[in-house]
Amino acid sequence: LAMKGDAIFGGPQTRPRVTSNSGQVQFFFILLYPDA
């Protein structure tokens, strides 16, 4: 889905979701109200 240096946008999610990491990872994300 994303590698080092990537930026990914996600919309509202209607079901639970799962991601994984192949090894050590660091990520930072922001959650925004959809009408914003």
PDB file of all heavy atoms in Angstrom:
ATOM      1  N   LEU A   1       0.839  -1.188   0.000  1.00  0.00           N
ATOM      2  CA  LEU A   1       0.000   0.000   0.000  1.00  0.00           C
ATOM      3  C   LEU A   1       0.878   1.242   0.000  1.00  0.00           C
ATOM      4  O   LEU A   1       0.611   2.194  -0.729  1.00  0.00           O
ATOM      5  CB  LEU A   1      -0.909  -0.001   1.230  1.00  0.00           C
ATOM      6  CG  LEU A   1      -1.745   1.261   1.473  1.00  0.00           C
ATOM      7  CD1 LEU A   1      -2.722   1.485   0.324  1.00  0.00           C
ATOM      8  CD2 LEU A   1      -2.494   1.160   2.784  1.00  0.00           C
ATOM      9  N   ALA A   2       1.931   1.225   0.795  1.00  0.00           N
ATOM     10  CA  ALA A   2       2.805   2.394   0.875  1.00  0.00           C
ATOM     11  C   ALA A   2       4.192   1.973   1.327  1.00  0.00           C
ATOM     12  O   ALA A   2       4.357   1.096   2.179  1.00  0.00           O
ATOM     13  CB  ALA A   2       2.216   3.416   1.834  1.00  0.00           C
ATOM     14  N   MET A   3       5.188   2.640   0.740  1.00  0.00           N
ATOM     15  CA  MET A   3       6.581   2.431   1.112  1.00  0.00           C
ATOM     16  C   MET A   3       7.107   3.717   1.750  1.00  0.00           C
ATOM     17  O   MET A   3       6.435   4.751   1.761  1.00  0.00           O
ATOM     18  CB  MET A   3       7.413   2.075  -0.122  1.00  0.00           C
ATOM     19  CG  MET A   3       6.846   0.928  -0.946  1.00  0.00           C
ATOM     20  SD  MET A   3       6.852  -0.657  -0.081  1.00  0.00           S
ATOM     21  CE  MET A   3       8.600  -1.013  -0.073  1.00  0.00           C
ATOM     22  N   LYS A   4       8.330   3.663   2.255  1.00  0.00           N
ATOM     23  CA  LYS A   4       8.949   4.829   2.871  1.00  0.00           C
ATOM     24  C   LYS A   4       8.881   6.030   1.927  1.00  0.00           C
ATOM     25  O   LYS A   4       9.230   5.933   0.751  1.00  0.00           O
ATOM     26  CB  LYS A   4      10.399   4.526   3.224  1.00  0.00           C
ATOM     27  CG  LYS A   4      11.116   5.695   3.882  1.00  0.00           C
ATOM     28  CD  LYS A   4      12.556   5.341   4.217  1.00  0.00           C
ATOM     29  CE  LYS A   4      13.279   6.532   4.828  1.00  0.00           C
ATOM     30  NZ  LYS A   4      14.692   6.214   5.163  1.00  0.00           N
ATOM     31  N   GLY A   5       8.395   7.154   2.454  1.00  0.00           N
ATOM     32  CA  GLY A   5       8.283   8.368   1.666  1.00  0.00           C
ATOM     33  C   GLY A   5       6.938   8.561   1.007  1.00  0.00           C
ATOM     34  O   GLY A   5       6.665   9.642   0.478  1.00  0.00           O
ATOM     35  N   ASP A   6       6.072   7.542   1.043  1.00  0.00           N
ATOM     36  CA  ASP A   6       4.754   7.649   0.415  1.00  0.00           C
ATOM     37  C   ASP A   6       3.762   8.359   1.323  1.00  0.00           C
ATOM     38  O   ASP A   6       3.861   8.311   2.553  1.00  0.00           O
ATOM     39  CB  ASP A   6       4.199   6.260   0.068  1.00  0.00           C
ATOM     40  CG  ASP A   6       4.905   5.628  -1.118  1.00  0.00           C
ATOM     41  OD1 ASP A   6       5.625   6.355  -1.831  1.00  0.00           O
ATOM     42  OD2 ASP A   6       4.734   4.416  -1.327  1.00  0.00           O
ATOM     43  N   ALA A   7       2.775   8.979   0.692  1.00  0.00           N
ATOM     44  CA  ALA A   7       1.646   9.599   1.395  1.00  0.00           C
ATOM     45  C   ALA A   7       0.370   9.053   0.789  1.00  0.00           C
ATOM     46  O   ALA A   7       0.182   9.111  -0.430  1.00  0.00           O
ATOM     47  CB  ALA A   7       1.698  11.113   1.256  1.00  0.00           C
ATOM     48  N   ILE A   8      -0.512   8.515   1.635  1.00  0.00           N
ATOM     49  CA  ILE A   8      -1.721   7.835   1.174  1.00  0.00           C
ATOM     50  C   ILE A   8      -2.949   8.494   1.782  1.00  0.00           C
ATOM     51  O   ILE A   8      -2.993   8.768   2.990  1.00  0.00           O
ATOM     52  CB  ILE A   8      -1.692   6.339   1.556  1.00  0.00           C
ATOM     53  CG1 ILE A   8      -0.517   5.638   0.883  1.00  0.00           C
ATOM     54  CG2 ILE A   8      -3.001   5.657   1.181  1.00  0.00           C
ATOM     55  CD1 ILE A   8      -0.593   5.596  -0.628  1.00  0.00           C
ATOM     56  N   PHE A   9      -3.958   8.737   0.936  1.00  0.00           N
ATOM     57  CA  PHE A   9      -5.250   9.248   1.404  1.00  0.00           C
ATOM     58  C   PHE A   9      -6.249   8.102   1.474  1.00  0.00           C
ATOM     59  O   PHE A   9      -6.317   7.266   0.573  1.00  0.00           O
ATOM     60  CB  PHE A   9      -5.780  10.320   0.456  1.00  0.00           C
ATOM     61  CG  PHE A   9      -7.191  10.732   0.744  1.00  0.00           C
ATOM     62  CD1 PHE A   9      -7.480  11.557   1.823  1.00  0.00           C
ATOM     63  CD2 PHE A   9      -8.249  10.263  -0.033  1.00  0.00           C
ATOM     64  CE1 PHE A   9      -8.788  11.915   2.115  1.00  0.00           C
ATOM     65  CE2 PHE A   9      -9.552  10.625   0.250  1.00  0.00           C
ATOM     66  CZ  PHE A   9      -9.816  11.453   1.322  1.00  0.00           C
ATOM     67  N   GLY A  10      -7.030   8.078   2.546  1.00  0.00           N
ATOM     68  CA  GLY A  10      -8.089   7.084   2.692  1.00  0.00           C
ATOM     69  C   GLY A  10      -9.413   7.749   2.994  1.00  0.00           C
ATOM     70  O   GLY A  10      -9.468   8.719   3.756  1.00  0.00           O
ATOM     71  N   GLY A  11     -10.482   7.240   2.386  1.00  0.00           N
ATOM     72  CA  GLY A  11     -11.812   7.749   2.658  1.00  0.00           C
ATOM     73  C   GLY A  11     -12.451   7.042   3.834  1.00  0.00           C
ATOM     74  O   GLY A  11     -11.823   6.198   4.492  1.00  0.00           O
ATOM     75  N   PRO A  12     -13.696   7.365   4.168  1.00  0.00           N
ATOM     76  CA  PRO A  12     -14.405   6.662   5.239  1.00  0.00           C
ATOM     77  C   PRO A  12     -14.423   5.156   4.993  1.00  0.00           C
ATOM     78  O   PRO A  12     -14.498   4.706   3.841  1.00  0.00           O
ATOM     79  CB  PRO A  12     -15.819   7.259   5.169  1.00  0.00           C
ATOM     80  CG  PRO A  12     -15.624   8.608   4.534  1.00  0.00           C
ATOM     81  CD  PRO A  12     -14.517   8.425   3.544  1.00  0.00           C
ATOM     82  N   GLN A  13     -14.374   4.393   6.062  1.00  0.00           N
ATOM     83  CA  GLN A  13     -14.329   2.934   5.958  1.00  0.00           C
ATOM     84  C   GLN A  13     -15.589   2.338   6.585  1.00  0.00           C
ATOM     85  O   GLN A  13     -15.888   2.605   7.746  1.00  0.00           O
ATOM     86  CB  GLN A  13     -13.093   2.389   6.676  1.00  0.00           C
ATOM     87  CG  GLN A  13     -11.778   2.943   6.142  1.00  0.00           C
ATOM     88  CD  GLN A  13     -11.510   2.525   4.716  1.00  0.00           C
ATOM     89  OE1 GLN A  13     -11.502   1.330   4.406  1.00  0.00           O
ATOM     90  NE2 GLN A  13     -11.279   3.490   3.837  1.00  0.00           N
ATOM     91  N   THR A  14     -16.294   1.525   5.819  1.00  0.00           N
ATOM     92  CA  THR A  14     -17.552   0.952   6.303  1.00  0.00           C
ATOM     93  C   THR A  14     -17.360  -0.386   7.015  1.00  0.00           C
ATOM     94  O   THR A  14     -18.327  -0.945   7.526  1.00  0.00           O
ATOM     95  CB  THR A  14     -18.531   0.749   5.142  1.00  0.00           C
ATOM     96  OG1 THR A  14     -17.971  -0.180   4.196  1.00  0.00           O
ATOM     97  CG2 THR A  14     -18.831   2.070   4.444  1.00  0.00           C
ATOM     98  N   ARG A  15     -16.150  -0.879   7.049  1.00  0.00           N
ATOM     99  CA  ARG A  15     -15.883  -2.159   7.709  1.00  0.00           C
ATOM    100  C   ARG A  15     -14.503  -2.098   8.340  1.00  0.00           C
ATOM    101  O   ARG A  15     -13.667  -1.283   7.947  1.00  0.00           O
ATOM    102  CB  ARG A  15     -15.947  -3.312   6.705  1.00  0.00           C
ATOM    103  CG  ARG A  15     -15.029  -3.130   5.510  1.00  0.00           C
ATOM    104  CD  ARG A  15     -15.238  -4.224   4.466  1.00  0.00           C
ATOM    105  NE  ARG A  15     -14.370  -4.049   3.305  1.00  0.00           N
ATOM    106  CZ  ARG A  15     -14.672  -3.332   2.253  1.00  0.00           C
ATOM    107  NH1 ARG A  15     -15.825  -2.684   2.198  1.00  0.00           N
ATOM    108  NH2 ARG A  15     -13.836  -3.244   1.227  1.00  0.00           N
ATOM    109  N   PRO A  16     -14.241  -2.947   9.322  1.00  0.00           N
ATOM    110  CA  PRO A  16     -12.903  -2.952   9.910  1.00  0.00           C
ATOM    111  C   PRO A  16     -11.874  -3.358   8.860  1.00  0.00           C
ATOM    112  O   PRO A  16     -12.169  -4.105   7.932  1.00  0.00           O
ATOM    113  CB  PRO A  16     -13.009  -3.994  11.031  1.00  0.00           C
ATOM    114  CG  PRO A  16     -14.208  -4.819  10.692  1.00  0.00           C
ATOM    115  CD  PRO A  16     -15.143  -3.925   9.954  1.00  0.00           C
ATOM    116  N   ARG A  17     -10.661  -2.838   8.998  1.00  0.00           N
ATOM    117  CA  ARG A  17      -9.619  -3.147   8.020  1.00  0.00           C
ATOM    118  C   ARG A  17      -8.327  -3.508   8.738  1.00  0.00           C
ATOM    119  O   ARG A  17      -8.117  -3.160   9.914  1.00  0.00           O
ATOM    120  CB  ARG A  17      -9.389  -1.972   7.081  1.00  0.00           C
ATOM    121  CG  ARG A  17      -8.986  -0.676   7.743  1.00  0.00           C
ATOM    122  CD  ARG A  17      -8.919   0.466   6.754  1.00  0.00           C
ATOM    123  NE  ARG A  17      -8.641   1.739   7.397  1.00  0.00           N
ATOM    124  CZ  ARG A  17      -7.434   2.249   7.568  1.00  0.00           C
ATOM    125  NH1 ARG A  17      -6.384   1.566   7.125  1.00  0.00           N
ATOM    126  NH2 ARG A  17      -7.257   3.409   8.146  1.00  0.00           N
ATOM    127  N   VAL A  18      -7.476  -4.214   8.006  1.00  0.00           N
ATOM    128  CA  VAL A  18      -6.222  -4.694   8.557  1.00  0.00           C
ATOM    129  C   VAL A  18      -5.105  -4.384   7.572  1.00  0.00           C
ATOM    130  O   VAL A  18      -5.229  -4.632   6.377  1.00  0.00           O
ATOM    131  CB  VAL A  18      -6.261  -6.222   8.802  1.00  0.00           C
ATOM    132  CG1 VAL A  18      -4.942  -6.698   9.421  1.00  0.00           C
ATOM    133  CG2 VAL A  18      -7.432  -6.603   9.690  1.00  0.00           C
ATOM    134  N   THR A  19      -4.018  -3.802   8.068  1.00  0.00           N
ATOM    135  CA  THR A  19      -2.795  -3.695   7.288  1.00  0.00           C
ATOM    136  C   THR A  19      -1.706  -4.448   8.033  1.00  0.00           C
ATOM    137  O   THR A  19      -1.899  -4.885   9.174  1.00  0.00           O
ATOM    138  CB  THR A  19      -2.370  -2.232   7.065  1.00  0.00           C
ATOM    139  OG1 THR A  19      -2.015  -1.641   8.327  1.00  0.00           O
ATOM    140  CG2 THR A  19      -3.499  -1.427   6.424  1.00  0.00           C
ATOM    141  N   SER A  20      -0.564  -4.607   7.396  1.00  0.00           N
ATOM    142  CA  SER A  20       0.558  -5.258   8.068  1.00  0.00           C
ATOM    143  C   SER A  20       1.842  -4.564   7.679  1.00  0.00           C
ATOM    144  O   SER A  20       1.882  -3.730   6.774  1.00  0.00           O
ATOM    145  CB  SER A  20       0.619  -6.748   7.714  1.00  0.00           C
ATOM    146  OG  SER A  20       0.992  -6.910   6.353  1.00  0.00           O
ATOM    147  N   ASN A  21       2.919  -4.927   8.362  1.00  0.00           N
ATOM    148  CA  ASN A  21       4.253  -4.397   8.082  1.00  0.00           C
ATOM    149  C   ASN A  21       5.205  -5.572   7.951  1.00  0.00           C
ATOM    150  O   ASN A  21       5.144  -6.510   8.745  1.00  0.00           O
ATOM    151  CB  ASN A  21       4.716  -3.460   9.197  1.00  0.00           C
ATOM    152  CG  ASN A  21       3.645  -2.465   9.607  1.00  0.00           C
ATOM    153  OD1 ASN A  21       3.135  -2.513  10.730  1.00  0.00           O
ATOM    154  ND2 ASN A  21       3.257  -1.590   8.696  1.00  0.00           N
ATOM    155  N   SER A  22       6.082  -5.530   6.954  1.00  0.00           N
ATOM    156  CA  SER A  22       6.997  -6.650   6.742  1.00  0.00           C
ATOM    157  C   SER A  22       8.112  -6.679   7.780  1.00  0.00           C
ATOM    158  O   SER A  22       8.740  -7.717   8.004  1.00  0.00           O
ATOM    159  CB  SER A  22       7.595  -6.597   5.337  1.00  0.00           C
ATOM    160  OG  SER A  22       8.373  -5.421   5.165  1.00  0.00           O
ATOM    161  N   GLY A  23       8.368  -5.543   8.407  1.00  0.00           N
ATOM    162  CA  GLY A  23       9.401  -5.463   9.436  1.00  0.00           C
ATOM    163  C   GLY A  23       9.160  -4.240  10.295  1.00  0.00           C
ATOM    164  O   GLY A  23       8.010  -3.840  10.517  1.00  0.00           O
ATOM    165  N   GLN A  24      10.224  -3.630  10.772  1.00  0.00           N
ATOM    166  CA  GLN A  24      10.074  -2.429  11.588  1.00  0.00           C
ATOM    167  C   GLN A  24       9.477  -1.301  10.749  1.00  0.00           C
ATOM    168  O   GLN A  24       9.739  -1.184   9.556  1.00  0.00           O
ATOM    169  CB  GLN A  24      11.428  -2.011  12.163  1.00  0.00           C
ATOM    170  CG  GLN A  24      11.977  -2.999  13.176  1.00  0.00           C
ATOM    171  CD  GLN A  24      13.227  -2.500  13.868  1.00  0.00           C
ATOM    172  OE1 GLN A  24      13.923  -1.617  13.376  1.00  0.00           O
ATOM    173  NE2 GLN A  24      13.518  -3.060  15.032  1.00  0.00           N
ATOM    174  N   VAL A  25       8.674  -0.475  11.396  1.00  0.00           N
ATOM    175  CA  VAL A  25       7.932   0.541  10.659  1.00  0.00           C
ATOM    176  C   VAL A  25       7.760   1.789  11.519  1.00  0.00           C
ATOM    177  O   VAL A  25       7.755   1.710  12.754  1.00  0.00           O
ATOM    178  CB  VAL A  25       6.545  -0.002  10.225  1.00  0.00           C
ATOM    179  CG1 VAL A  25       5.632  -0.173  11.444  1.00  0.00           C
ATOM    180  CG2 VAL A  25       5.887   0.887   9.191  1.00  0.00           C
ATOM    181  N   GLN A  26       7.652   2.904  10.849  1.00  0.00           N
ATOM    182  CA  GLN A  26       7.242   4.146  11.502  1.00  0.00           C
ATOM    183  C   GLN A  26       6.328   4.884  10.546  1.00  0.00           C
ATOM    184  O   GLN A  26       6.671   5.079   9.373  1.00  0.00           O
ATOM    185  CB  GLN A  26       8.443   5.029  11.851  1.00  0.00           C
ATOM    186  CG  GLN A  26       8.058   6.309  12.591  1.00  0.00           C
ATOM    187  CD  GLN A  26       9.264   7.179  12.933  1.00  0.00           C
ATOM    188  OE1 GLN A  26      10.372   6.933  12.444  1.00  0.00           O
ATOM    189  NE2 GLN A  26       9.054   8.188  13.754  1.00  0.00           N
ATOM    190  N   PHE A  27       5.155   5.258  11.027  1.00  0.00           N
ATOM    191  CA  PHE A  27       4.253   6.049  10.200  1.00  0.00           C
ATOM    192  C   PHE A  27       3.509   7.048  11.062  1.00  0.00           C
ATOM    193  O   PHE A  27       3.432   6.925  12.291  1.00  0.00           O
ATOM    194  CB  PHE A  27       3.289   5.183   9.385  1.00  0.00           C
ATOM    195  CG  PHE A  27       2.483   4.176  10.169  1.00  0.00           C
ATOM    196  CD1 PHE A  27       1.296   4.530  10.795  1.00  0.00           C
ATOM    197  CD2 PHE A  27       2.908   2.853  10.253  1.00  0.00           C
ATOM    198  CE1 PHE A  27       0.542   3.604  11.496  1.00  0.00           C
ATOM    199  CE2 PHE A  27       2.156   1.913  10.952  1.00  0.00           C
ATOM    200  CZ  PHE A  27       0.977   2.283  11.577  1.00  0.00           C
ATOM    201  N   PHE A  28       2.988   8.053  10.404  1.00  0.00           N
ATOM    202  CA  PHE A  28       2.298   9.150  11.074  1.00  0.00           C
ATOM    203  C   PHE A  28       1.063   9.451  10.240  1.00  0.00           C
ATOM    204  O   PHE A  28       1.157   9.558   9.008  1.00  0.00           O
ATOM    205  CB  PHE A  28       3.198  10.386  11.125  1.00  0.00           C
ATOM    206  CG  PHE A  28       2.711  11.482  12.030  1.00  0.00           C
ATOM    207  CD1 PHE A  28       3.078  11.522  13.359  1.00  0.00           C
ATOM    208  CD2 PHE A  28       1.890  12.488  11.551  1.00  0.00           C
ATOM    209  CE1 PHE A  28       2.649  12.540  14.195  1.00  0.00           C
ATOM    210  CE2 PHE A  28       1.452  13.511  12.383  1.00  0.00           C
ATOM    211  CZ  PHE A  28       1.833  13.535  13.713  1.00  0.00           C
ATOM    212  N   PHE A  29      -0.093   9.525  10.892  1.00  0.00           N
ATOM    213  CA  PHE A  29      -1.268   9.851  10.088  1.00  0.00           C
ATOM    214  C   PHE A  29      -2.201  10.801  10.806  1.00  0.00           C
ATOM    215  O   PHE A  29      -2.170  10.946  12.030  1.00  0.00           O
ATOM    216  CB  PHE A  29      -1.984   8.602   9.573  1.00  0.00           C
ATOM    217  CG  PHE A  29      -2.590   7.679  10.588  1.00  0.00           C
ATOM    218  CD1 PHE A  29      -3.918   7.801  10.965  1.00  0.00           C
ATOM    219  CD2 PHE A  29      -1.851   6.630  11.110  1.00  0.00           C
ATOM    220  CE1 PHE A  29      -4.489   6.915  11.853  1.00  0.00           C
ATOM    221  CE2 PHE A  29      -2.410   5.729  11.999  1.00  0.00           C
ATOM    222  CZ  PHE A  29      -3.733   5.877  12.376  1.00  0.00           C
ATOM    223  N   ILE A  30      -2.992  11.459   9.998  1.00  0.00           N
ATOM    224  CA  ILE A  30      -3.945  12.463  10.458  1.00  0.00           C
ATOM    225  C   ILE A  30      -5.343  11.978  10.106  1.00  0.00           C
ATOM    226  O   ILE A  30      -5.562  11.398   9.041  1.00  0.00           O
ATOM    227  CB  ILE A  30      -3.636  13.829   9.813  1.00  0.00           C
ATOM    228  CG1 ILE A  30      -4.614  14.905  10.279  1.00  0.00           C
ATOM    229  CG2 ILE A  30      -3.616  13.741   8.297  1.00  0.00           C
ATOM    230  CD1 ILE A  30      -4.243  16.299   9.776  1.00  0.00           C
ATOM    231  N   LEU A  31      -6.275  12.183  11.017  1.00  0.00           N
ATOM    232  CA  LEU A  31      -7.678  11.839  10.806  1.00  0.00           C
ATOM    233  C   LEU A  31      -8.477  13.131  10.680  1.00  0.00           C
ATOM    234  O   LEU A  31      -8.428  13.980  11.573  1.00  0.00           O
ATOM    235  CB  LEU A  31      -8.204  11.000  11.975  1.00  0.00           C
ATOM    236  CG  LEU A  31      -7.519   9.644  12.169  1.00  0.00           C
ATOM    237  CD1 LEU A  31      -7.968   9.001  13.474  1.00  0.00           C
ATOM    238  CD2 LEU A  31      -7.808   8.716  10.988  1.00  0.00           C
ATOM    239  N   LEU A  32      -9.181  13.267   9.566  1.00  0.00           N
ATOM    240  CA  LEU A  32      -9.931  14.491   9.284  1.00  0.00           C
ATOM    241  C   LEU A  32     -11.412  14.179   9.159  1.00  0.00           C
ATOM    242  O   LEU A  32     -11.813  13.121   8.656  1.00  0.00           O
ATOM    243  CB  LEU A  32      -9.452  15.137   7.981  1.00  0.00           C
ATOM    244  CG  LEU A  32      -7.984  15.511   7.911  1.00  0.00           C
ATOM    245  CD1 LEU A  32      -7.251  14.540   6.998  1.00  0.00           C
ATOM    246  CD2 LEU A  32      -7.812  16.932   7.392  1.00  0.00           C
ATOM    247  N   TYR A  33     -12.235  15.113   9.598  1.00  0.00           N
ATOM    248  CA  TYR A  33     -13.669  14.978   9.390  1.00  0.00           C
ATOM    249  C   TYR A  33     -13.959  15.027   7.891  1.00  0.00           C
ATOM    250  O   TYR A  33     -13.372  15.841   7.161  1.00  0.00           O
ATOM    251  CB  TYR A  33     -14.415  16.086  10.116  1.00  0.00           C
ATOM    252  CG  TYR A  33     -14.327  15.967  11.621  1.00  0.00           C
ATOM    253  CD1 TYR A  33     -13.590  16.887  12.364  1.00  0.00           C
ATOM    254  CD2 TYR A  33     -14.972  14.942  12.288  1.00  0.00           C
ATOM    255  CE1 TYR A  33     -13.500  16.779  13.743  1.00  0.00           C
ATOM    256  CE2 TYR A  33     -14.888  14.830  13.666  1.00  0.00           C
ATOM    257  CZ  TYR A  33     -14.151  15.739  14.391  1.00  0.00           C
ATOM    258  OH  TYR A  33     -14.060  15.617  15.753  1.00  0.00           O
ATOM    259  N   PRO A  34     -14.832  14.150   7.396  1.00  0.00           N
ATOM    260  CA  PRO A  34     -15.050  14.086   5.948  1.00  0.00           C
ATOM    261  C   PRO A  34     -15.621  15.364   5.355  1.00  0.00           C
ATOM    262  O   PRO A  34     -15.272  15.744   4.233  1.00  0.00           O
ATOM    263  CB  PRO A  34     -16.006  12.902   5.784  1.00  0.00           C
ATOM    264  CG  PRO A  34     -16.640  12.735   7.130  1.00  0.00           C
ATOM    265  CD  PRO A  34     -15.606  13.135   8.124  1.00  0.00           C
ATOM    266  N   ASP A  35     -16.497  16.069   6.096  1.00  0.00           N
ATOM    267  CA  ASP A  35     -17.025  17.314   5.539  1.00  0.00           C
ATOM    268  C   ASP A  35     -15.946  18.390   5.478  1.00  0.00           C
ATOM    269  O   ASP A  35     -16.013  19.302   4.648  1.00  0.00           O
ATOM    270  CB  ASP A  35     -18.239  17.808   6.334  1.00  0.00           C
ATOM    271  CG  ASP A  35     -17.939  18.090   7.791  1.00  0.00           C
ATOM    272  OD1 ASP A  35     -17.138  17.350   8.395  1.00  0.00           O
ATOM    273  OD2 ASP A  35     -18.504  19.049   8.347  1.00  0.00           O
ATOM    274  N   ALA A  36     -14.907  18.266   6.332  1.00  0.00           N
ATOM    275  CA  ALA A  36     -13.775  19.189   6.239  1.00  0.00           C
ATOM    276  C   ALA A  36     -12.988  18.932   4.959  1.00  0.00           C
ATOM    277  O   ALA A  36     -12.564  19.880   4.278  1.00  0.00           O
ATOM    278  CB  ALA A  36     -12.869  19.042   7.459  1.00  0.00           C
TER     279      ALA A  36
END
